[in-house]
Structures are given as C-alpha cells and as structure tokens.
Amino acid sequence: MAGDDSWIRAEMGGTSRASVIGKPEVLGALIKRAEHPVFIVGHEVAEGPDGEAISGFIERVSRNRNIPVIGTSPAVRDLIKRGIRITAVMGGMEAADRLRDPEWRGTDGVCRHDMVLIAGIPYSFCWTILSGIRNSAPDLKIVTLDRKYQPHASWSFGNLAAGPWKEQLKAVITLLEEDKHV
C-alpha cells in the first residue's frame, strides 16, 4: 500500500487529499507557524506499543509550545499518568463540532484554533470526524499524527512502519526544542 493511500481502501473521500508529512521539518514548520493550535487525543494513545511514542511526543510538544490538549474521556486517566496536562475533556465528535463552530473561542476562550493535531482516535471514527471538519471549517489546518494515512486531513503521515514513524516524532521534538532555545 502506498504511503498516501487511505488505510482502508474503500474510504477515499473527495478530490482533495492530505499532503504527506515526508520529513520531520514539515511537521516542525507547521507547528511553529500555528498561532493557536490544539491537540485532540483519543484512547489509542494510551494503548499498545505506539502509545508511548505518541504520548511522549504530545507531552513534550504541548509543554514546549504551550498547546492545549483535549482528551477524550476514555483516555484522560492514562494521559495524565503519562504526564500530559489535559485542558479539556470531551468526546471526539463534540470536539470536532466545536472546531467547526465559527463562534467557539477555543479551549481558552481567546480565539478560534487555527490548527488541530489529532492522535489516538480509531481510524474509521477519525476519518468521519476529519471529513466533517474539512467540509465545515476549511480554514482549519488538520494534522493527523498516527502512522496511518488519513486522506481527509490537511497533513498526515503516510502509512509507516513503527520504527520510521517514531524516528520522525523524535526528530520533530528535537527541532522544536532547539528552536525554543534559539
């Protein structure tokens, strides 16, 4: 399966597709440019062998860049145990609905989020959420952090093996932490 094919072949939506994050510098630049990003983190971050890599990424990047984290309720306890500071707790669909709402002032009440970084939401459910956000909030950048390509995002990793994906996450952390000290 190619890096920019939907993980589930039957799920190809529309004429525009997510750009593939091919190098860590791409994701690093996206995060640096975002003015008011937010993470949405699902329960899969707390489970399985990939959970440690992605939860470490979220913990360090959210702390380094002061990015708020919305945790879905099944994930919150484990995310807190992993050192992630949760800003809000809501279901994935509720978070997506709020992101689509032009009147919502974000998790901090200041202004709308301009980028959402999503991780740990089951693939098919995430695919549906992303479709809704993309079609109702076209100005919002959507970045998926899981190692399966999501065509409805603005940016997504391609279909990657665990090793190369973890290396890219580590490289992004390094880039962002080096930038913070400059």
N, C-alpha and C. Protein backbone atom coordinates (compact mmCIF):
# COMPACT_ATOMS: atom_id res chain seq x y z
N MET A 1 0.85 -1.18 0.00
CA MET A 1 0.00 0.00 0.00
C MET A 1 0.89 1.23 0.00
N ALA A 2 0.61 2.16 -0.86
CA ALA A 2 1.41 3.38 -0.97
C ALA A 2 1.23 4.25 0.26
N GLY A 3 2.18 5.12 0.50
CA GLY A 3 2.16 5.99 1.67
C GLY A 3 1.01 6.97 1.70
N ASP A 4 0.44 7.28 0.53
CA ASP A 4 -0.67 8.23 0.53
C ASP A 4 -1.98 7.60 0.10
N ASP A 5 -2.13 6.31 0.36
CA ASP A 5 -3.39 5.63 0.15
C ASP A 5 -4.10 5.53 1.49
N SER A 6 -5.42 5.67 1.47
CA SER A 6 -6.19 5.51 2.68
C SER A 6 -5.89 4.15 3.29
N TRP A 7 -5.82 4.07 4.60
CA TRP A 7 -5.54 2.81 5.27
C TRP A 7 -6.62 1.79 4.94
N ILE A 8 -7.84 2.24 4.81
CA ILE A 8 -8.94 1.37 4.40
C ILE A 8 -9.30 1.81 2.98
N ARG A 9 -8.99 0.99 2.00
CA ARG A 9 -9.08 1.37 0.59
C ARG A 9 -10.43 1.93 0.17
N ALA A 10 -11.52 1.43 0.72
CA ALA A 10 -12.83 1.89 0.29
C ALA A 10 -13.11 3.32 0.73
N GLU A 11 -12.33 3.84 1.64
CA GLU A 11 -12.58 5.16 2.19
C GLU A 11 -11.73 6.21 1.51
N MET A 12 -12.12 6.59 0.34
CA MET A 12 -11.46 7.68 -0.37
C MET A 12 -12.49 8.77 -0.55
N GLY A 13 -12.21 9.92 0.02
CA GLY A 13 -13.24 10.94 0.00
C GLY A 13 -12.84 12.18 -0.75
N GLY A 14 -13.53 12.47 -1.81
CA GLY A 14 -13.37 13.74 -2.49
C GLY A 14 -12.15 13.83 -3.38
N THR A 15 -11.98 15.02 -3.92
CA THR A 15 -10.90 15.24 -4.87
C THR A 15 -9.63 15.76 -4.22
N SER A 16 -9.72 16.35 -3.05
CA SER A 16 -8.51 16.81 -2.37
C SER A 16 -8.11 15.80 -1.31
N ARG A 17 -6.81 15.64 -1.14
CA ARG A 17 -6.30 14.66 -0.20
C ARG A 17 -5.21 15.31 0.65
N ALA A 18 -4.96 14.71 1.78
CA ALA A 18 -3.94 15.22 2.69
C ALA A 18 -2.56 15.16 2.06
N SER A 19 -1.76 16.16 2.34
CA SER A 19 -0.36 16.13 1.96
C SER A 19 0.37 15.22 2.94
N VAL A 20 1.33 14.46 2.45
CA VAL A 20 2.08 13.53 3.29
C VAL A 20 3.22 14.26 3.98
N ILE A 21 3.34 14.02 5.28
CA ILE A 21 4.46 14.55 6.05
C ILE A 21 5.63 13.61 5.77
N GLY A 22 6.50 14.02 4.87
CA GLY A 22 7.61 13.17 4.46
C GLY A 22 8.87 13.35 5.28
N LYS A 23 9.02 14.54 5.88
CA LYS A 23 10.21 14.85 6.66
C LYS A 23 9.78 15.51 7.96
N PRO A 24 10.54 15.32 9.01
CA PRO A 24 10.19 15.95 10.30
C PRO A 24 10.14 17.47 10.22
N GLU A 25 10.93 18.05 9.34
CA GLU A 25 10.95 19.51 9.21
C GLU A 25 9.58 20.06 8.79
N VAL A 26 8.83 19.27 8.04
CA VAL A 26 7.50 19.70 7.60
C VAL A 26 6.58 19.86 8.80
N LEU A 27 6.51 18.83 9.63
CA LEU A 27 5.65 18.90 10.81
C LEU A 27 6.15 19.97 11.78
N GLY A 28 7.46 20.07 11.95
CA GLY A 28 8.01 21.10 12.81
C GLY A 28 7.62 22.49 12.35
N ALA A 29 7.71 22.75 11.05
CA ALA A 29 7.35 24.06 10.50
C ALA A 29 5.85 24.33 10.67
N LEU A 30 5.01 23.33 10.48
CA LEU A 30 3.57 23.51 10.66
C LEU A 30 3.26 23.93 12.10
N ILE A 31 3.88 23.26 13.05
CA ILE A 31 3.63 23.57 14.46
C ILE A 31 4.17 24.96 14.80
N LYS A 32 5.35 25.29 14.30
CA LYS A 32 5.93 26.61 14.59
C LYS A 32 5.07 27.74 14.04
N ARG A 33 4.48 27.53 12.85
CA ARG A 33 3.68 28.59 12.21
C ARG A 33 2.29 28.76 12.81
N ALA A 34 1.81 27.73 13.46
CA ALA A 34 0.45 27.80 14.02
C ALA A 34 0.39 28.85 15.13
N GLU A 35 -0.65 29.65 15.08
CA GLU A 35 -0.81 30.70 16.08
C GLU A 35 -1.59 30.22 17.30
N HIS A 36 -2.54 29.32 17.09
CA HIS A 36 -3.39 28.86 18.19
C HIS A 36 -3.79 27.40 17.96
N PRO A 37 -2.80 26.48 18.04
CA PRO A 37 -3.10 25.07 17.79
C PRO A 37 -3.72 24.38 19.00
N VAL A 38 -4.25 23.20 18.78
CA VAL A 38 -4.82 22.38 19.84
C VAL A 38 -4.61 20.91 19.48
N PHE A 39 -4.39 20.08 20.50
CA PHE A 39 -4.34 18.63 20.32
C PHE A 39 -5.69 18.04 20.67
N ILE A 40 -6.12 17.02 19.91
CA ILE A 40 -7.23 16.16 20.33
C ILE A 40 -6.63 14.77 20.43
N VAL A 41 -6.73 14.18 21.62
CA VAL A 41 -6.07 12.91 21.89
C VAL A 41 -7.08 11.86 22.31
N GLY A 42 -7.10 10.75 21.58
CA GLY A 42 -8.01 9.65 21.86
C GLY A 42 -7.37 8.54 22.67
N HIS A 43 -8.18 7.54 22.99
CA HIS A 43 -7.74 6.47 23.88
C HIS A 43 -6.65 5.58 23.31
N GLU A 44 -6.47 5.54 22.00
CA GLU A 44 -5.43 4.68 21.43
C GLU A 44 -4.02 5.16 21.78
N VAL A 45 -3.89 6.40 22.20
CA VAL A 45 -2.58 6.90 22.63
C VAL A 45 -2.14 6.18 23.91
N ALA A 46 -3.11 5.81 24.73
CA ALA A 46 -2.79 5.16 26.00
C ALA A 46 -2.63 3.64 25.86
N GLU A 47 -2.88 3.10 24.69
CA GLU A 47 -2.85 1.65 24.50
C GLU A 47 -1.76 1.24 23.52
N GLY A 48 -1.29 0.04 23.65
CA GLY A 48 -0.42 -0.56 22.64
C GLY A 48 0.99 -0.01 22.58
N PRO A 49 1.81 -0.59 21.71
CA PRO A 49 3.22 -0.22 21.62
C PRO A 49 3.46 1.18 21.06
N ASP A 50 2.56 1.70 20.25
CA ASP A 50 2.73 3.04 19.70
C ASP A 50 2.37 4.13 20.71
N GLY A 51 1.63 3.76 21.73
CA GLY A 51 1.16 4.73 22.71
C GLY A 51 2.26 5.50 23.40
N GLU A 52 3.34 4.83 23.76
CA GLU A 52 4.43 5.50 24.45
C GLU A 52 5.09 6.56 23.58
N ALA A 53 5.30 6.24 22.30
CA ALA A 53 5.95 7.20 21.40
C ALA A 53 5.09 8.43 21.18
N ILE A 54 3.82 8.24 20.91
CA ILE A 54 2.96 9.38 20.60
C ILE A 54 2.61 10.17 21.87
N SER A 55 2.44 9.49 23.00
CA SER A 55 2.15 10.24 24.23
C SER A 55 3.37 11.05 24.66
N GLY A 56 4.57 10.52 24.46
CA GLY A 56 5.78 11.30 24.75
C GLY A 56 5.88 12.52 23.86
N PHE A 57 5.53 12.35 22.59
CA PHE A 57 5.53 13.46 21.64
C PHE A 57 4.55 14.54 22.10
N ILE A 58 3.33 14.13 22.40
CA ILE A 58 2.29 15.09 22.80
C ILE A 58 2.69 15.81 24.09
N GLU A 59 3.22 15.07 25.06
CA GLU A 59 3.61 15.67 26.33
C GLU A 59 4.69 16.73 26.12
N ARG A 60 5.70 16.41 25.35
CA ARG A 60 6.81 17.36 25.17
C ARG A 60 6.44 18.54 24.28
N VAL A 61 5.73 18.28 23.20
CA VAL A 61 5.36 19.37 22.29
C VAL A 61 4.32 20.29 22.93
N SER A 62 3.34 19.71 23.62
CA SER A 62 2.32 20.57 24.25
C SER A 62 2.95 21.44 25.33
N ARG A 63 3.90 20.90 26.06
CA ARG A 63 4.58 21.70 27.09
C ARG A 63 5.51 22.74 26.46
N ASN A 64 6.28 22.34 25.45
CA ASN A 64 7.25 23.21 24.79
C ASN A 64 6.58 24.38 24.08
N ARG A 65 5.45 24.12 23.43
CA ARG A 65 4.76 25.14 22.63
C ARG A 65 3.51 25.68 23.30
N ASN A 66 3.22 25.23 24.52
CA ASN A 66 2.04 25.67 25.26
C ASN A 66 0.77 25.42 24.45
N ILE A 67 0.63 24.20 23.94
CA ILE A 67 -0.53 23.81 23.15
C ILE A 67 -1.53 23.09 24.05
N PRO A 68 -2.78 23.56 24.10
CA PRO A 68 -3.77 22.88 24.93
C PRO A 68 -4.09 21.49 24.38
N VAL A 69 -4.49 20.59 25.30
CA VAL A 69 -4.80 19.21 24.93
C VAL A 69 -6.23 18.89 25.34
N ILE A 70 -7.02 18.47 24.35
CA ILE A 70 -8.36 17.96 24.61
C ILE A 70 -8.24 16.45 24.64
N GLY A 71 -8.62 15.85 25.75
CA GLY A 71 -8.58 14.39 25.88
C GLY A 71 -9.99 13.84 25.79
N THR A 72 -10.16 12.73 25.06
CA THR A 72 -11.45 12.06 25.06
C THR A 72 -11.54 11.29 26.37
N SER A 73 -12.73 11.16 26.91
CA SER A 73 -12.89 10.64 28.27
C SER A 73 -12.24 9.28 28.53
N PRO A 74 -12.26 8.32 27.61
CA PRO A 74 -11.59 7.06 27.95
C PRO A 74 -10.07 7.20 28.09
N ALA A 75 -9.50 8.27 27.56
CA ALA A 75 -8.05 8.42 27.54
C ALA A 75 -7.50 9.23 28.69
N VAL A 76 -8.31 10.03 29.34
CA VAL A 76 -7.81 11.07 30.24
C VAL A 76 -6.95 10.52 31.37
N ARG A 77 -7.41 9.51 32.06
CA ARG A 77 -6.65 8.98 33.20
C ARG A 77 -5.26 8.54 32.78
N ASP A 78 -5.17 7.78 31.68
CA ASP A 78 -3.87 7.30 31.23
C ASP A 78 -2.99 8.44 30.71
N LEU A 79 -3.59 9.43 30.08
CA LEU A 79 -2.81 10.57 29.58
C LEU A 79 -2.20 11.36 30.73
N ILE A 80 -2.96 11.55 31.79
CA ILE A 80 -2.45 12.26 32.96
C ILE A 80 -1.32 11.46 33.59
N LYS A 81 -1.46 10.13 33.66
CA LYS A 81 -0.39 9.29 34.19
C LYS A 81 0.88 9.41 33.36
N ARG A 82 0.75 9.67 32.08
CA ARG A 82 1.90 9.80 31.19
C ARG A 82 2.47 11.22 31.18
N GLY A 83 1.94 12.10 32.02
CA GLY A 83 2.50 13.44 32.16
C GLY A 83 1.88 14.49 31.25
N ILE A 84 0.78 14.16 30.57
CA ILE A 84 0.14 15.11 29.67
C ILE A 84 -0.87 15.94 30.46
N ARG A 85 -0.75 17.26 30.35
CA ARG A 85 -1.66 18.18 31.03
C ARG A 85 -2.90 18.34 30.15
N ILE A 86 -4.04 17.92 30.65
CA ILE A 86 -5.30 17.97 29.91
C ILE A 86 -5.98 19.32 30.16
N THR A 87 -6.35 20.00 29.09
CA THR A 87 -7.01 21.29 29.18
C THR A 87 -8.53 21.14 29.21
N ALA A 88 -9.04 20.16 28.44
CA ALA A 88 -10.48 19.93 28.37
C ALA A 88 -10.74 18.45 28.13
N VAL A 89 -11.89 17.99 28.58
CA VAL A 89 -12.31 16.61 28.36
C VAL A 89 -13.63 16.64 27.60
N MET A 90 -13.64 16.00 26.44
CA MET A 90 -14.87 15.89 25.66
C MET A 90 -14.73 14.76 24.66
N GLY A 91 -15.82 14.30 24.14
CA GLY A 91 -15.78 13.26 23.13
C GLY A 91 -15.20 13.78 21.82
N GLY A 92 -14.72 12.87 21.01
CA GLY A 92 -14.14 13.25 19.73
C GLY A 92 -15.11 13.99 18.83
N MET A 93 -16.35 13.55 18.80
CA MET A 93 -17.36 14.20 17.96
C MET A 93 -17.69 15.59 18.50
N GLU A 94 -17.78 15.71 19.81
CA GLU A 94 -18.04 17.03 20.40
C GLU A 94 -16.89 18.00 20.09
N ALA A 95 -15.66 17.54 20.22
CA ALA A 95 -14.51 18.39 19.91
C ALA A 95 -14.55 18.83 18.45
N ALA A 96 -14.88 17.90 17.56
CA ALA A 96 -14.98 18.25 16.13
C ALA A 96 -16.08 19.27 15.90
N ASP A 97 -17.22 19.10 16.55
CA ASP A 97 -18.32 20.06 16.39
C ASP A 97 -17.92 21.45 16.87
N ARG A 98 -17.19 21.51 17.95
CA ARG A 98 -16.75 22.82 18.44
C ARG A 98 -15.75 23.46 17.48
N LEU A 99 -14.85 22.65 16.93
CA LEU A 99 -13.88 23.19 15.97
C LEU A 99 -14.57 23.71 14.72
N ARG A 100 -15.70 23.12 14.36
CA ARG A 100 -16.45 23.57 13.18
C ARG A 100 -17.27 24.82 13.46
N ASP A 101 -17.51 25.11 14.72
CA ASP A 101 -18.35 26.24 15.11
C ASP A 101 -17.55 27.54 15.03
N PRO A 102 -17.94 28.47 14.13
CA PRO A 102 -17.18 29.72 13.99
C PRO A 102 -17.27 30.63 15.22
N GLU A 103 -18.22 30.37 16.11
CA GLU A 103 -18.38 31.19 17.31
C GLU A 103 -17.56 30.67 18.50
N TRP A 104 -17.06 29.44 18.41
CA TRP A 104 -16.32 28.87 19.54
C TRP A 104 -14.97 29.56 19.67
N ARG A 105 -14.63 30.02 20.85
CA ARG A 105 -13.41 30.78 21.10
C ARG A 105 -12.26 29.89 21.60
N GLY A 106 -12.31 28.62 21.32
CA GLY A 106 -11.21 27.72 21.69
C GLY A 106 -11.27 27.27 23.13
N THR A 107 -10.33 26.42 23.50
CA THR A 107 -10.31 25.85 24.84
C THR A 107 -10.00 26.89 25.91
N ASP A 108 -9.37 27.98 25.52
CA ASP A 108 -9.00 29.02 26.48
C ASP A 108 -9.90 30.25 26.41
N GLY A 109 -10.87 30.25 25.50
CA GLY A 109 -11.79 31.38 25.37
C GLY A 109 -11.21 32.60 24.68
N VAL A 110 -10.01 32.50 24.12
CA VAL A 110 -9.35 33.64 23.50
C VAL A 110 -9.76 33.81 22.04
N CYS A 111 -9.55 32.79 21.23
CA CYS A 111 -9.89 32.86 19.81
C CYS A 111 -9.98 31.44 19.24
N ARG A 112 -10.46 31.36 18.01
CA ARG A 112 -10.57 30.06 17.35
C ARG A 112 -9.19 29.43 17.17
N HIS A 113 -9.16 28.12 17.21
CA HIS A 113 -7.91 27.40 16.93
C HIS A 113 -7.69 27.43 15.42
N ASP A 114 -6.43 27.57 15.00
CA ASP A 114 -6.12 27.59 13.57
C ASP A 114 -5.55 26.26 13.09
N MET A 115 -5.19 25.37 14.03
CA MET A 115 -4.69 24.06 13.66
C MET A 115 -5.07 23.06 14.74
N VAL A 116 -5.43 21.87 14.31
CA VAL A 116 -5.72 20.78 15.24
C VAL A 116 -4.78 19.63 14.92
N LEU A 117 -4.14 19.10 15.95
CA LEU A 117 -3.27 17.94 15.83
C LEU A 117 -4.01 16.77 16.48
N ILE A 118 -4.28 15.72 15.72
CA ILE A 118 -5.11 14.63 16.19
C ILE A 118 -4.31 13.35 16.28
N ALA A 119 -4.50 12.62 17.40
CA ALA A 119 -3.81 11.35 17.58
C ALA A 119 -4.66 10.42 18.44
N GLY A 120 -4.55 9.14 18.16
CA GLY A 120 -5.14 8.13 19.03
C GLY A 120 -6.63 7.92 18.92
N ILE A 121 -7.24 8.43 17.88
CA ILE A 121 -8.67 8.19 17.66
C ILE A 121 -8.78 7.05 16.66
N PRO A 122 -9.64 6.05 16.92
CA PRO A 122 -9.74 4.92 15.99
C PRO A 122 -9.93 5.38 14.54
N TYR A 123 -9.26 4.70 13.62
CA TYR A 123 -9.14 5.15 12.24
C TYR A 123 -10.47 5.52 11.58
N SER A 124 -11.44 4.63 11.60
CA SER A 124 -12.71 4.90 10.91
C SER A 124 -13.46 6.07 11.53
N PHE A 125 -13.44 6.17 12.85
CA PHE A 125 -14.10 7.27 13.53
C PHE A 125 -13.38 8.59 13.22
N CYS A 126 -12.06 8.56 13.23
CA CYS A 126 -11.27 9.75 12.91
C CYS A 126 -11.54 10.19 11.48
N TRP A 127 -11.65 9.24 10.57
CA TRP A 127 -11.93 9.55 9.16
C TRP A 127 -13.22 10.35 9.05
N THR A 128 -14.25 9.95 9.80
CA THR A 128 -15.54 10.63 9.78
C THR A 128 -15.43 12.03 10.39
N ILE A 129 -14.74 12.13 11.52
CA ILE A 129 -14.55 13.43 12.17
C ILE A 129 -13.82 14.39 11.23
N LEU A 130 -12.75 13.90 10.60
CA LEU A 130 -11.97 14.75 9.71
C LEU A 130 -12.78 15.22 8.51
N SER A 131 -13.64 14.36 8.00
CA SER A 131 -14.50 14.74 6.89
C SER A 131 -15.39 15.91 7.29
N GLY A 132 -15.97 15.83 8.47
CA GLY A 132 -16.83 16.90 8.94
C GLY A 132 -16.09 18.21 9.14
N ILE A 133 -14.91 18.14 9.74
CA ILE A 133 -14.12 19.35 9.97
C ILE A 133 -13.69 19.96 8.63
N ARG A 134 -13.19 19.11 7.75
CA ARG A 134 -12.68 19.62 6.46
C ARG A 134 -13.77 20.31 5.66
N ASN A 135 -14.97 19.79 5.71
CA ASN A 135 -16.05 20.36 4.92
C ASN A 135 -16.74 21.55 5.60
N SER A 136 -16.64 21.66 6.92
CA SER A 136 -17.33 22.74 7.63
C SER A 136 -16.40 23.83 8.16
N ALA A 137 -15.11 23.56 8.22
CA ALA A 137 -14.14 24.55 8.68
C ALA A 137 -12.91 24.48 7.78
N PRO A 138 -13.07 24.89 6.51
CA PRO A 138 -11.98 24.72 5.54
C PRO A 138 -10.73 25.53 5.85
N ASP A 139 -10.84 26.54 6.72
CA ASP A 139 -9.67 27.35 7.07
C ASP A 139 -8.82 26.71 8.17
N LEU A 140 -9.32 25.67 8.81
CA LEU A 140 -8.62 25.00 9.89
C LEU A 140 -7.64 23.96 9.34
N LYS A 141 -6.37 24.04 9.72
CA LYS A 141 -5.39 23.02 9.31
C LYS A 141 -5.57 21.81 10.22
N ILE A 142 -5.63 20.64 9.61
CA ILE A 142 -5.81 19.40 10.34
C ILE A 142 -4.58 18.53 10.12
N VAL A 143 -3.92 18.15 11.20
CA VAL A 143 -2.73 17.31 11.11
C VAL A 143 -2.98 16.04 11.92
N THR A 144 -2.88 14.88 11.27
CA THR A 144 -3.01 13.63 12.00
C THR A 144 -1.61 13.11 12.31
N LEU A 145 -1.43 12.63 13.51
CA LEU A 145 -0.12 12.20 13.98
C LEU A 145 0.05 10.69 14.02
N ASP A 146 -1.00 9.95 13.77
CA ASP A 146 -0.90 8.49 13.76
C ASP A 146 -0.14 8.05 12.52
N ARG A 147 0.27 6.79 12.51
CA ARG A 147 1.11 6.33 11.40
C ARG A 147 0.32 5.72 10.24
N LYS A 148 -0.95 6.03 10.18
CA LYS A 148 -1.80 5.60 9.07
C LYS A 148 -2.29 6.84 8.33
N TYR A 149 -2.19 6.82 7.03
CA TYR A 149 -2.58 7.97 6.21
C TYR A 149 -4.07 8.25 6.33
N GLN A 150 -4.41 9.51 6.58
CA GLN A 150 -5.80 9.96 6.66
C GLN A 150 -6.05 10.97 5.53
N PRO A 151 -6.76 10.58 4.48
CA PRO A 151 -6.95 11.48 3.33
C PRO A 151 -7.72 12.76 3.65
N HIS A 152 -8.56 12.78 4.68
CA HIS A 152 -9.36 13.97 4.98
C HIS A 152 -8.61 15.03 5.78
N ALA A 153 -7.41 14.74 6.20
CA ALA A 153 -6.62 15.74 6.94
C ALA A 153 -6.01 16.73 5.95
N SER A 154 -5.43 17.79 6.47
CA SER A 154 -4.63 18.69 5.63
C SER A 154 -3.25 18.08 5.44
N TRP A 155 -2.71 17.53 6.55
CA TRP A 155 -1.40 16.89 6.55
C TRP A 155 -1.50 15.59 7.34
N SER A 156 -0.86 14.55 6.86
CA SER A 156 -0.89 13.25 7.52
C SER A 156 0.41 12.51 7.26
N PHE A 157 0.84 11.71 8.22
CA PHE A 157 1.93 10.80 7.92
C PHE A 157 1.41 9.81 6.90
N GLY A 158 2.31 9.27 6.09
CA GLY A 158 1.92 8.19 5.18
C GLY A 158 1.77 6.92 5.99
N ASN A 159 1.47 5.83 5.34
CA ASN A 159 1.38 4.55 6.04
C ASN A 159 2.80 4.09 6.36
N LEU A 160 3.18 4.24 7.63
CA LEU A 160 4.55 3.99 8.05
C LEU A 160 4.65 2.82 9.01
N ALA A 161 5.79 2.14 8.96
CA ALA A 161 6.12 1.16 9.98
C ALA A 161 6.43 1.92 11.27
N ALA A 162 6.36 1.23 12.39
CA ALA A 162 6.53 1.88 13.69
C ALA A 162 7.90 2.56 13.83
N GLY A 163 8.96 1.91 13.38
CA GLY A 163 10.31 2.46 13.55
C GLY A 163 10.51 3.81 12.89
N PRO A 164 10.28 3.93 11.58
CA PRO A 164 10.45 5.24 10.93
C PRO A 164 9.52 6.32 11.47
N TRP A 165 8.32 5.95 11.85
CA TRP A 165 7.36 6.90 12.41
C TRP A 165 7.87 7.46 13.74
N LYS A 166 8.36 6.57 14.61
CA LYS A 166 8.90 7.00 15.91
C LYS A 166 10.11 7.91 15.72
N GLU A 167 10.96 7.59 14.75
CA GLU A 167 12.13 8.42 14.48
C GLU A 167 11.72 9.82 14.03
N GLN A 168 10.67 9.90 13.20
CA GLN A 168 10.20 11.22 12.77
C GLN A 168 9.65 12.02 13.94
N LEU A 169 8.91 11.37 14.83
CA LEU A 169 8.39 12.07 16.01
C LEU A 169 9.53 12.61 16.87
N LYS A 170 10.55 11.78 17.09
CA LYS A 170 11.71 12.22 17.89
C LYS A 170 12.41 13.41 17.22
N ALA A 171 12.54 13.36 15.91
CA ALA A 171 13.21 14.45 15.19
C ALA A 171 12.41 15.75 15.30
N VAL A 172 11.09 15.67 15.26
CA VAL A 172 10.26 16.88 15.40
C VAL A 172 10.43 17.47 16.79
N ILE A 173 10.45 16.62 17.80
CA ILE A 173 10.66 17.10 19.18
C ILE A 173 11.99 17.85 19.26
N THR A 174 13.04 17.26 18.70
CA THR A 174 14.36 17.89 18.71
C THR A 174 14.34 19.24 18.01
N LEU A 175 13.71 19.30 16.83
CA LEU A 175 13.62 20.56 16.09
C LEU A 175 12.91 21.65 16.90
N LEU A 176 11.79 21.28 17.52
CA LEU A 176 11.02 22.27 18.27
C LEU A 176 11.73 22.71 19.54
N GLU A 177 12.41 21.78 20.19
CA GLU A 177 13.12 22.15 21.42
C GLU A 177 14.35 22.98 21.11
N GLU A 178 15.04 22.70 20.00
CA GLU A 178 16.18 23.52 19.59
C GLU A 178 15.72 24.93 19.23
N ASP A 179 14.59 25.03 18.55
CA ASP A 179 14.05 26.32 18.15
C ASP A 179 13.67 27.16 19.37
N LYS A 180 13.20 26.52 20.40
CA LYS A 180 12.78 27.22 21.63
C LYS A 180 13.96 27.86 22.33
N HIS A 181 15.15 27.26 22.18
CA HIS A 181 16.34 27.76 22.88
C HIS A 181 17.12 28.79 22.07
N VAL A 182 16.69 29.04 20.83
CA VAL A 182 17.42 29.99 19.99
C VAL A 182 17.11 31.41 20.39
